[in-house]
Protein backbone atom coordinates (compact mmCIF):
# COMPACT_ATOMS: atom_id res chain seq x y z
CA MET A 1 -0.11 -0.10 0.04
CA ILE A 2 1.35 3.33 -0.98
CA ALA A 3 1.39 6.24 1.30
CA THR A 4 -0.26 9.24 0.50
CA PHE A 5 0.78 12.74 1.79
CA ASN A 6 -1.87 15.55 2.28
CA TRP A 7 0.57 18.56 1.55
CA ASN A 8 -2.36 20.90 2.74
CA GLU A 9 -2.45 19.41 6.44
CA ILE A 10 1.22 19.73 6.11
CA PHE A 11 1.78 23.60 4.87
CA ASN A 12 -1.49 24.51 7.18
CA ASN A 13 -0.03 22.80 10.14
CA PRO A 14 0.91 25.73 12.61
CA GLU A 15 4.29 23.86 13.67
CA THR A 16 5.17 23.32 10.36
CA GLU A 17 4.82 27.07 9.73
CA HIS A 18 6.99 28.19 12.80
CA THR A 19 9.48 25.88 11.40
CA PHE A 20 9.47 27.23 7.73
CA ARG A 21 9.39 30.68 9.19
CA VAL A 22 12.28 29.97 11.64
CA VAL A 23 14.74 28.24 8.65
CA VAL A 24 13.73 31.45 6.52
CA TYR A 25 14.59 33.59 8.95
CA THR A 26 17.71 31.77 9.94
CA LEU A 27 18.73 32.06 5.72
CA LEU A 28 18.27 35.48 5.16
CA SER A 29 20.03 36.13 8.35
CA LEU A 30 22.95 34.56 7.79
CA LEU A 31 22.77 36.03 4.32
CA LEU A 32 22.37 39.43 5.81
CA LEU A 33 25.65 38.89 8.05
CA TYR A 34 27.63 37.64 5.29
CA THR A 35 26.69 40.76 3.52
CA VAL A 36 27.42 42.99 6.41
CA SER A 37 30.64 41.54 6.79
CA PHE A 38 31.92 41.45 3.32
CA VAL A 39 31.08 45.51 3.16
CA ALA A 40 32.65 46.10 6.61
CA SER A 41 36.24 44.43 5.42
CA ARG A 42 36.09 46.53 2.19
CA ILE A 43 35.39 49.48 3.78
CA LEU A 44 38.07 48.34 6.53
CA LEU A 45 40.92 47.83 3.66
CA LYS A 46 41.06 51.67 3.05
CA ARG A 47 42.55 51.56 6.55
CA LEU A 48 43.72 48.08 7.49
CA SER A 49 46.13 45.43 5.56
CA PRO A 50 43.94 42.83 4.03
CA HIS A 51 44.59 40.51 6.61
CA TYR A 52 43.59 42.60 8.98
CA ALA A 53 40.41 43.27 7.31
CA ALA A 54 39.95 39.49 6.88
CA LEU A 55 40.19 39.11 11.15
CA VAL A 56 37.89 41.78 11.54
CA ARG A 57 35.41 40.59 9.01
CA LYS A 58 35.88 36.80 10.65
CA LEU A 59 35.16 38.71 14.06
CA ILE A 60 32.05 40.27 12.57
CA PHE A 61 30.99 37.44 11.09
CA TYR A 62 31.26 35.25 14.21
CA ILE A 63 29.85 37.31 16.93
CA GLY A 64 26.50 38.00 14.47
CA ALA A 65 26.78 34.14 14.14
CA SER A 66 26.34 33.45 17.96
CA ILE A 67 23.36 36.17 18.17
CA ILE A 68 21.58 34.65 15.22
CA LEU A 69 21.78 31.22 17.29
CA VAL A 70 20.95 32.53 20.40
CA SER A 71 17.38 34.02 18.63
CA VAL A 72 16.93 30.77 16.49
CA MET A 73 16.66 28.86 20.00
CA VAL A 74 14.57 31.69 21.54
CA GLU A 75 11.92 31.28 18.35
CA MET A 76 11.84 27.40 18.98
CA GLY A 77 11.08 27.98 22.32
CA ILE A 78 14.16 25.99 23.71
CA ASN A 79 14.73 26.84 27.74
CA LEU A 80 17.86 28.94 27.75
CA THR A 81 18.10 29.05 31.25
CA GLY A 82 19.30 25.48 31.23
CA VAL A 83 21.49 26.05 28.13
CA LEU A 84 23.23 29.11 29.86
CA ALA A 85 24.18 26.82 33.04
CA THR A 86 25.30 24.27 31.21
CA ALA A 87 27.71 26.50 28.84
CA GLY A 88 28.68 27.96 32.18
CA VAL A 89 29.83 25.45 33.59
CA ALA A 90 30.95 23.74 30.39
CA GLY A 91 32.83 27.21 29.39
CA LEU A 92 34.56 27.09 33.04
CA ALA A 93 36.53 23.82 32.27
CA ILE A 94 37.04 24.67 28.73
CA GLY A 95 38.61 27.85 30.13
CA PHE A 96 41.05 25.89 32.51
CA ALA A 97 42.06 23.73 29.90
CA ALA A 98 42.42 26.08 27.42
CA GLN A 99 44.52 28.78 29.09
CA THR A 100 47.28 28.95 26.56
CA SER A 101 44.78 29.19 23.56
CA LEU A 102 42.95 32.03 25.46
CA SER A 103 46.03 33.80 26.52
CA ASN A 104 47.08 33.64 22.42
CA LEU A 105 43.63 34.63 21.52
CA ILE A 106 44.02 37.51 23.67
CA SER A 107 47.77 38.48 22.61
CA GLY A 108 46.25 38.04 18.87
CA LEU A 109 44.04 41.03 19.33
CA PHE A 110 46.83 43.19 21.18
CA LEU A 111 49.00 42.26 17.75
CA ILE A 112 46.13 43.54 15.54
CA GLY A 113 45.41 46.76 17.48
CA GLU A 114 49.29 47.29 17.54
CA LYS A 115 50.14 46.07 14.07
CA PRO A 116 54.18 45.77 14.80
CA PHE A 117 54.37 44.02 11.69
CA GLN A 118 51.86 42.79 8.47
CA ILE A 119 52.55 40.23 5.88
CA GLY A 120 55.56 39.91 4.05
CA ASP A 121 57.59 42.09 6.33
CA LEU A 122 61.04 40.03 7.60
CA VAL A 123 60.85 39.76 11.40
CA ARG A 124 63.47 38.07 13.75
CA VAL A 125 62.09 36.44 17.15
CA ASN A 126 64.74 35.28 19.43
CA ASP A 127 67.00 33.36 16.68
CA ILE A 128 64.21 32.96 14.07
CA LEU A 129 64.50 34.97 11.12
CA GLY A 130 61.58 34.92 8.56
CA VAL A 131 58.81 36.31 6.25
CA VAL A 132 55.46 36.91 7.80
CA GLU A 133 53.28 34.78 5.94
CA SER A 134 50.11 34.72 8.09
CA ILE A 135 48.75 36.52 10.83
CA ASP A 136 45.92 34.48 12.69
CA LEU A 137 44.22 35.22 16.15
CA LEU A 138 46.14 32.52 17.55
CA SER A 139 49.46 32.05 16.17
CA ILE A 140 52.03 33.77 13.46
CA LYS A 141 52.95 31.63 10.79
CA ILE A 142 56.72 32.52 9.35
CA ARG A 143 58.50 31.24 6.78
CA THR A 144 62.30 31.60 7.40
CA LEU A 145 65.04 32.18 4.82
CA ASP A 146 65.95 28.74 4.20
CA ASN A 147 62.16 28.13 3.63
CA LEU A 148 61.06 26.36 6.37
CA PHE A 149 57.53 26.92 8.22
CA VAL A 150 57.39 28.02 11.67
CA ARG A 151 54.22 28.56 13.92
CA ILE A 152 55.07 31.05 16.28
CA PRO A 153 52.31 31.77 19.35
CA ASN A 154 50.95 34.84 19.69
CA GLU A 155 51.45 34.82 23.56
CA ALA A 156 55.62 34.55 22.39
CA MET A 157 55.21 37.52 19.70
CA ILE A 158 53.96 39.66 22.86
CA LYS A 159 56.46 38.29 25.31
CA ASP A 160 59.45 38.10 23.39
CA PRO A 161 61.36 41.08 21.69
CA VAL A 162 60.31 40.98 18.16
CA THR A 163 62.70 42.95 15.19
CA ASN A 164 60.76 43.91 12.11
CA VAL A 165 63.68 44.24 9.69
CA THR A 166 61.97 45.54 6.64
CA ARG A 167 59.46 47.86 8.72
CA PHE A 168 61.53 51.16 7.21
CA PRO A 169 62.18 51.66 3.57
CA ILE A 170 65.82 52.34 4.37
CA ARG A 171 68.17 50.31 6.49
CA ARG A 172 72.08 50.79 7.96
CA MET A 173 74.46 47.81 7.32
CA ASP A 174 77.12 47.71 9.71
CA ILE A 175 80.79 46.17 8.76
CA GLU A 176 83.44 45.92 11.37
CA ILE A 177 86.93 45.80 9.68
CA GLY A 178 89.96 45.36 11.19
CA VAL A 179 93.66 46.65 10.04
CA ALA A 180 97.24 46.18 10.94
CA TYR A 181 98.56 48.82 13.69
CA LYS A 182 101.20 49.87 11.17
CA GLU A 183 98.44 51.27 8.56
CA ASP A 184 97.27 54.92 8.39
CA VAL A 185 94.34 55.80 10.00
CA GLY A 186 93.26 58.70 8.02
CA ARG A 187 94.08 56.83 4.92
CA VAL A 188 92.08 54.09 5.53
CA MET A 189 89.19 56.28 6.83
CA GLU A 190 89.78 57.78 3.40
CA ILE A 191 89.51 54.51 1.01
CA LEU A 192 86.09 53.49 3.19
CA GLU A 193 84.61 56.87 1.96
CA GLU A 194 85.69 56.52 -1.73
CA LEU A 195 84.21 52.88 -1.77
CA ALA A 196 81.00 54.39 -0.03
CA ALA A 197 80.81 57.19 -2.51
CA ALA A 198 81.16 54.48 -5.79
CA ASN A 199 79.08 51.75 -4.58
CA PRO A 200 75.89 51.95 -6.34
CA TYR A 201 73.94 50.52 -3.70
CA ALA A 202 75.09 52.52 -0.93
CA LEU A 203 72.99 56.11 -0.07
CA ASP A 204 74.53 59.60 0.08
CA ASP A 205 71.91 60.25 2.54
CA PRO A 206 72.03 59.72 5.20
CA ALA A 207 75.77 59.82 4.86
CA PRO A 208 77.82 56.85 5.46
CA LEU A 209 79.07 55.74 9.18
CA ILE A 210 83.09 55.94 9.32
CA LEU A 211 84.12 55.13 12.53
CA PHE A 212 87.55 54.56 14.37
CA ASN A 213 86.06 52.14 16.70
CA ASN A 214 88.50 50.38 19.04
CA PHE A 215 91.97 49.27 19.75
CA GLY A 216 91.90 45.43 19.12
CA ASP A 217 93.97 42.85 20.32
CA SER A 218 95.91 41.97 17.11
CA ALA A 219 94.13 45.24 14.45
CA LEU A 220 92.62 48.48 14.54
CA GLN A 221 88.95 48.39 14.33
CA PHE A 222 86.97 50.31 12.25
CA LYS A 223 82.79 50.27 11.87
CA PHE A 224 81.72 51.06 8.19
CA GLY A 225 77.79 51.70 7.88
CA LEU A 226 76.04 52.19 4.74
CA TRP A 227 72.73 53.14 4.30
CA PHE A 228 70.47 51.28 1.87
CA GLU A 229 67.13 50.42 0.21
CA LYS A 230 65.96 47.50 2.14
CA SER A 231 65.71 45.93 -1.15
CA ASN A 232 69.47 45.85 -1.65
CA TYR A 233 70.54 44.11 0.96
CA LEU A 234 71.92 41.27 -0.88
CA LYS A 235 73.51 43.02 -3.97
CA LEU A 236 75.34 45.83 -1.00
CA ARG A 237 76.46 43.04 1.10
CA ASN A 238 78.19 40.88 -1.84
CA SER A 239 79.52 44.25 -3.93
CA ILE A 240 80.99 46.06 -0.65
CA MET A 241 82.59 43.14 1.00
CA ARG A 242 84.49 42.29 -2.54
CA GLU A 243 85.21 45.99 -2.80
CA ILE A 244 86.83 46.29 0.60
CA LYS A 245 88.95 43.32 0.12
CA GLU A 246 90.43 44.60 -3.44
CA ARG A 247 90.83 47.86 -2.66
CA PHE A 248 92.89 46.74 0.55
CA ASP A 249 95.13 44.75 -1.64
CA ARG A 250 95.75 47.06 -4.29
CA GLU A 251 96.42 49.91 -1.53
CA GLY A 252 98.97 47.73 0.50
CA ILE A 253 96.51 47.57 3.84
CA GLU A 254 96.92 44.27 5.73
CA ILE A 255 93.86 42.96 7.42
CA PRO A 256 95.72 41.25 10.29
CA PHE A 257 94.39 37.77 11.89
CA PRO A 258 94.88 36.78 15.29
CA HIS A 259 98.55 35.58 15.83
CA LEU A 260 99.30 33.08 18.71
CA THR A 261 102.86 32.92 20.64
CA LEU A 262 103.83 29.93 22.66
CA TYR A 263 105.96 30.73 25.80
CA SER A 264 106.89 27.94 28.04
CA GLY A 265 108.65 29.82 30.73
CA SER A 266 112.05 31.09 31.61
CA ALA A 267 113.32 28.15 33.12
CA THR A 268 112.52 26.21 29.82
CA ASP A 269 114.87 26.11 26.95
CA PRO A 270 113.53 27.52 23.46
CA PHE A 271 111.49 24.93 21.43
CA PRO A 272 114.08 23.48 18.52
CA VAL A 273 113.11 24.13 15.07
CA ASP A 274 113.84 22.16 12.10
CA LEU A 275 113.44 23.46 8.53
CA LYS A 276 113.58 20.88 6.03
CA ASP A 277 113.08 21.38 2.33
CA ARG A 278 110.08 19.73 0.82
CA ASN A 279 111.44 19.39 -2.02
CA PRO A 280 114.85 17.82 -1.52
CA PRO A 281 117.18 17.73 -4.89
CA LYS A 282 117.14 14.65 -6.80
CA SER A 283 120.60 12.97 -6.07
């Protein structure tokens, strides 16, 4: 026997009508919420970076979805007192179990507000140096220069010092240089100034820093600081190091290396040294 349905009774049923109305209300509310969050993110793009705008969009959507869920439960006649009591106990238990996640979430909100870096910046966190790939509510994703993926919790980004290497359009590269004590200090500084002026990747403004820094154990120590556009780091590093070595060689300026002298004490005879010819004459 084939069952037949009386569609009129189904659609004229008050409970069915109420359920249908709740479903339509939910779908329209979600559609409106999606539209509002999308429009808000487009407006925020004028003031925030794309990633921060996306985070705000997600936050608006999640809050709105929670409000819609509560409204649907009220419309369906669900007693929220028991639900809220159960949710409170469960939330307390989850809160104790997820203190780290909550701390990372709060830290992520602080990072969004402070904006110390953005996607594409080169940052250093402790001994980790890499490019920021993603900024999320719980963690930061970094791709290191040797193409490794590193996830750093937001709490660590708040507690530990973070260096944004590419925050400003120009940077200064400091090179420590040592020359022999016999060299003319004035001539060394003059050569470094000429090298800075001739290098196409070194900026003239700000002026380079040339500092007679210290008397080292085996060398006179100079600090050679060159300003450059952040995108020219490798080009400047490779070129200026080679130019310093080649120019010092042409000028006869010695770059010394540490020497070690062995002393066995006044009561001991000198060490005997026997020099032998590596290529003795053939007999």
